[in-house]
Amino acid sequence: MTIDDRLRALAESTVHPGLECIESGVFARIDADTHTGRQARLGLVTIIGSATLAGVASAAVPVPVPDREHATVEMVSTRLAPSTLLGGR
């Protein structure tokens, strides 16, 4: 039996009665997934918008700049500084 014979036999056969109710169920799930997808997109846009707003707001807050005259750097030990390690000491 060739593929053409099988396709012809399939086309001439009757539809199984259980397939009648499946189509409406498939379309109902597609509609439900579309609704869920919209909610997911709305949630994602909300999160991105909130993060953007928080970033802009935090950039607008003034940050105190330390006075250069009183700024000091305290180094406890230079024993493991890269310059000493590279020198082989």
N, C-alpha and C. Protein backbone atom coordinates (compact mmCIF):
# COMPACT_ATOMS: atom_id res chain seq x y z
N MET A 1 0.86 -1.18 0.00
CA MET A 1 0.00 0.00 0.00
C MET A 1 0.91 1.24 0.00
N THR A 2 0.69 2.14 -0.93
CA THR A 2 1.52 3.34 -1.05
C THR A 2 0.96 4.44 -0.15
N ILE A 3 1.71 5.50 -0.05
CA ILE A 3 1.27 6.63 0.77
C ILE A 3 0.00 7.25 0.21
N ASP A 4 -0.11 7.29 -1.11
CA ASP A 4 -1.33 7.85 -1.72
C ASP A 4 -2.54 7.03 -1.36
N ASP A 5 -2.40 5.70 -1.35
CA ASP A 5 -3.52 4.83 -0.97
C ASP A 5 -3.91 5.06 0.49
N ARG A 6 -2.93 5.21 1.33
CA ARG A 6 -3.22 5.44 2.76
C ARG A 6 -3.90 6.79 2.98
N LEU A 7 -3.41 7.83 2.28
CA LEU A 7 -4.04 9.15 2.41
C LEU A 7 -5.47 9.14 1.89
N ARG A 8 -5.69 8.44 0.79
CA ARG A 8 -7.05 8.33 0.24
C ARG A 8 -7.96 7.61 1.22
N ALA A 9 -7.47 6.52 1.82
CA ALA A 9 -8.27 5.77 2.80
C ALA A 9 -8.57 6.63 4.02
N LEU A 10 -7.60 7.44 4.45
CA LEU A 10 -7.82 8.33 5.59
C LEU A 10 -8.86 9.38 5.26
N ALA A 11 -8.81 9.92 4.06
CA ALA A 11 -9.78 10.95 3.65
C ALA A 11 -11.19 10.38 3.55
N GLU A 12 -11.30 9.12 3.18
CA GLU A 12 -12.63 8.50 3.04
C GLU A 12 -13.17 7.97 4.35
N SER A 13 -12.35 7.85 5.36
CA SER A 13 -12.82 7.31 6.64
C SER A 13 -13.66 8.33 7.39
N THR A 14 -14.44 7.84 8.34
CA THR A 14 -15.28 8.73 9.15
C THR A 14 -14.48 9.30 10.31
N VAL A 15 -14.91 10.43 10.78
CA VAL A 15 -14.23 11.09 11.89
C VAL A 15 -14.64 10.41 13.20
N HIS A 16 -13.68 10.19 14.04
CA HIS A 16 -13.95 9.57 15.34
C HIS A 16 -14.85 10.51 16.14
N PRO A 17 -15.87 9.98 16.82
CA PRO A 17 -16.80 10.84 17.55
C PRO A 17 -16.15 11.64 18.70
N GLY A 18 -15.07 11.15 19.25
CA GLY A 18 -14.40 11.85 20.34
C GLY A 18 -13.69 13.12 19.89
N LEU A 19 -13.44 13.25 18.59
CA LEU A 19 -12.74 14.43 18.09
C LEU A 19 -13.63 15.66 18.00
N GLU A 20 -14.93 15.47 18.04
CA GLU A 20 -15.85 16.60 17.93
C GLU A 20 -15.70 17.58 19.09
N CYS A 21 -15.52 17.07 20.30
CA CYS A 21 -15.44 17.94 21.47
C CYS A 21 -14.03 18.48 21.71
N ILE A 22 -13.02 17.92 21.07
CA ILE A 22 -11.65 18.35 21.31
C ILE A 22 -11.39 19.75 20.76
N GLU A 23 -11.97 20.07 19.61
CA GLU A 23 -11.70 21.35 18.97
C GLU A 23 -12.07 22.52 19.87
N SER A 24 -13.24 22.48 20.49
CA SER A 24 -13.65 23.58 21.36
C SER A 24 -12.72 23.68 22.58
N GLY A 25 -12.27 22.54 23.09
CA GLY A 25 -11.35 22.54 24.21
C GLY A 25 -9.99 23.15 23.84
N VAL A 26 -9.53 22.85 22.63
CA VAL A 26 -8.25 23.40 22.17
C VAL A 26 -8.35 24.91 22.05
N PHE A 27 -9.43 25.40 21.44
CA PHE A 27 -9.58 26.84 21.28
C PHE A 27 -9.76 27.53 22.63
N ALA A 28 -10.40 26.88 23.58
CA ALA A 28 -10.55 27.46 24.93
C ALA A 28 -9.19 27.58 25.60
N ARG A 29 -8.31 26.59 25.44
CA ARG A 29 -6.97 26.67 26.04
C ARG A 29 -6.12 27.73 25.37
N ILE A 30 -6.28 27.88 24.05
CA ILE A 30 -5.53 28.93 23.35
C ILE A 30 -5.96 30.29 23.85
N ASP A 31 -7.27 30.49 24.03
CA ASP A 31 -7.76 31.77 24.55
C ASP A 31 -7.26 32.01 25.97
N ALA A 32 -7.23 30.97 26.80
CA ALA A 32 -6.74 31.11 28.18
C ALA A 32 -5.26 31.45 28.18
N ASP A 33 -4.49 30.82 27.31
CA ASP A 33 -3.05 31.12 27.23
C ASP A 33 -2.82 32.54 26.76
N THR A 34 -3.65 33.02 25.86
CA THR A 34 -3.53 34.40 25.39
C THR A 34 -3.79 35.36 26.53
N HIS A 35 -4.78 35.08 27.35
CA HIS A 35 -5.10 35.93 28.51
C HIS A 35 -3.94 35.91 29.51
N THR A 36 -3.39 34.73 29.76
CA THR A 36 -2.26 34.61 30.68
C THR A 36 -1.04 35.33 30.13
N GLY A 37 -0.82 35.25 28.83
CA GLY A 37 0.30 35.95 28.21
C GLY A 37 0.18 37.45 28.36
N ARG A 38 -1.04 37.97 28.23
CA ARG A 38 -1.25 39.41 28.42
C ARG A 38 -0.93 39.81 29.85
N GLN A 39 -1.35 39.00 30.80
CA GLN A 39 -1.07 39.31 32.20
C GLN A 39 0.43 39.27 32.47
N ALA A 40 1.12 38.31 31.87
CA ALA A 40 2.57 38.21 32.07
C ALA A 40 3.26 39.42 31.47
N ARG A 41 2.84 39.85 30.29
CA ARG A 41 3.44 41.03 29.67
C ARG A 41 3.18 42.27 30.50
N LEU A 42 1.96 42.40 31.02
CA LEU A 42 1.64 43.55 31.86
C LEU A 42 2.50 43.56 33.12
N GLY A 43 2.69 42.40 33.73
CA GLY A 43 3.55 42.30 34.91
C GLY A 43 4.98 42.65 34.60
N LEU A 44 5.48 42.20 33.45
CA LEU A 44 6.85 42.50 33.06
C LEU A 44 7.03 43.99 32.80
N VAL A 45 6.08 44.60 32.13
CA VAL A 45 6.16 46.04 31.87
C VAL A 45 6.10 46.81 33.19
N THR A 46 5.30 46.36 34.13
CA THR A 46 5.21 47.01 35.43
C THR A 46 6.54 46.93 36.18
N ILE A 47 7.17 45.77 36.16
CA ILE A 47 8.44 45.60 36.85
C ILE A 47 9.53 46.46 36.21
N ILE A 48 9.59 46.46 34.88
CA ILE A 48 10.60 47.26 34.19
C ILE A 48 10.36 48.75 34.44
N GLY A 49 9.10 49.17 34.41
CA GLY A 49 8.78 50.58 34.67
C GLY A 49 9.15 50.98 36.08
N SER A 50 8.87 50.10 37.05
CA SER A 50 9.21 50.40 38.44
C SER A 50 10.73 50.50 38.63
N ALA A 51 11.47 49.59 38.00
CA ALA A 51 12.93 49.61 38.12
C ALA A 51 13.49 50.88 37.48
N THR A 52 12.94 51.27 36.34
CA THR A 52 13.40 52.50 35.68
C THR A 52 13.11 53.71 36.54
N LEU A 53 11.92 53.76 37.09
CA LEU A 53 11.54 54.88 37.95
C LEU A 53 12.42 54.94 39.19
N ALA A 54 12.72 53.79 39.78
CA ALA A 54 13.59 53.77 40.96
C ALA A 54 15.00 54.22 40.60
N GLY A 55 15.49 53.84 39.42
CA GLY A 55 16.82 54.27 38.99
C GLY A 55 16.89 55.76 38.77
N VAL A 56 15.87 56.32 38.14
CA VAL A 56 15.84 57.76 37.90
C VAL A 56 15.73 58.51 39.22
N ALA A 57 14.88 58.01 40.12
CA ALA A 57 14.70 58.67 41.41
C ALA A 57 15.99 58.61 42.24
N SER A 58 16.68 57.49 42.19
CA SER A 58 17.92 57.40 42.98
C SER A 58 19.02 58.26 42.39
N ALA A 59 19.00 58.49 41.10
CA ALA A 59 20.01 59.36 40.48
C ALA A 59 19.73 60.82 40.80
N ALA A 60 18.49 61.15 41.12
CA ALA A 60 18.14 62.54 41.41
C ALA A 60 18.46 62.94 42.85
N VAL A 61 18.69 61.96 43.72
CA VAL A 61 18.98 62.26 45.12
C VAL A 61 20.44 62.73 45.22
N PRO A 62 20.66 63.88 45.83
CA PRO A 62 22.04 64.37 45.94
C PRO A 62 22.86 63.52 46.92
N VAL A 63 24.10 63.28 46.57
CA VAL A 63 24.99 62.49 47.40
C VAL A 63 26.06 63.44 47.95
N PRO A 64 26.27 63.43 49.27
CA PRO A 64 27.29 64.32 49.83
C PRO A 64 28.69 63.92 49.36
N VAL A 65 29.45 64.91 48.94
CA VAL A 65 30.81 64.66 48.46
C VAL A 65 31.76 64.94 49.62
N PRO A 66 32.66 64.02 49.93
CA PRO A 66 33.59 64.25 51.04
C PRO A 66 34.56 65.38 50.72
N ASP A 67 34.95 66.09 51.75
CA ASP A 67 35.90 67.19 51.61
C ASP A 67 37.28 66.61 51.34
N ARG A 68 37.95 67.07 50.28
CA ARG A 68 39.25 66.52 49.90
C ARG A 68 40.33 66.82 50.94
N GLU A 69 40.19 67.88 51.68
CA GLU A 69 41.22 68.22 52.67
C GLU A 69 41.28 67.22 53.80
N HIS A 70 40.14 66.65 54.14
CA HIS A 70 40.09 65.73 55.27
C HIS A 70 40.07 64.26 54.85
N ALA A 71 40.11 64.03 53.56
CA ALA A 71 40.07 62.64 53.09
C ALA A 71 41.45 62.00 53.27
N THR A 72 41.47 60.82 53.88
CA THR A 72 42.74 60.10 54.08
C THR A 72 42.54 58.65 53.67
N VAL A 73 43.62 58.06 53.27
CA VAL A 73 43.60 56.64 52.95
C VAL A 73 44.54 55.97 53.94
N GLU A 74 43.99 55.04 54.68
CA GLU A 74 44.80 54.35 55.67
C GLU A 74 45.10 52.96 55.15
N MET A 75 46.38 52.69 54.96
CA MET A 75 46.78 51.35 54.55
C MET A 75 47.46 50.69 55.74
N VAL A 76 46.95 49.57 56.13
CA VAL A 76 47.47 48.88 57.29
C VAL A 76 48.80 48.21 56.96
N SER A 77 48.85 47.52 55.83
CA SER A 77 50.07 46.81 55.47
C SER A 77 50.21 46.78 53.96
N THR A 78 51.42 46.98 53.50
CA THR A 78 51.69 46.88 52.06
C THR A 78 52.44 45.60 51.74
N ARG A 79 52.45 44.69 52.69
CA ARG A 79 53.20 43.44 52.54
C ARG A 79 52.71 42.62 51.34
N LEU A 80 51.40 42.63 51.06
CA LEU A 80 50.85 41.83 49.97
C LEU A 80 50.42 42.69 48.78
N ALA A 81 50.96 43.87 48.67
CA ALA A 81 50.64 44.75 47.54
C ALA A 81 51.19 44.12 46.27
N PRO A 82 50.50 44.30 45.12
CA PRO A 82 50.97 43.70 43.87
C PRO A 82 52.38 44.11 43.51
N SER A 83 52.76 45.35 43.80
CA SER A 83 54.11 45.78 43.45
C SER A 83 55.17 45.00 44.21
N THR A 84 54.91 44.62 45.45
CA THR A 84 55.89 43.85 46.20
C THR A 84 55.88 42.39 45.79
N LEU A 85 54.72 41.87 45.41
CA LEU A 85 54.65 40.48 45.00
C LEU A 85 55.33 40.28 43.64
N LEU A 86 55.20 41.24 42.75
CA LEU A 86 55.83 41.13 41.44
C LEU A 86 57.33 41.29 41.51
N GLY A 87 57.79 42.03 42.49
CA GLY A 87 59.22 42.25 42.63
C GLY A 87 59.96 41.03 43.14
N GLY A 88 59.28 40.05 43.67
CA GLY A 88 59.92 38.83 44.14
C GLY A 88 60.52 38.96 45.52
N ARG A 89 60.08 39.92 46.28
CA ARG A 89 60.63 40.10 47.63
C ARG A 89 59.95 39.23 48.63
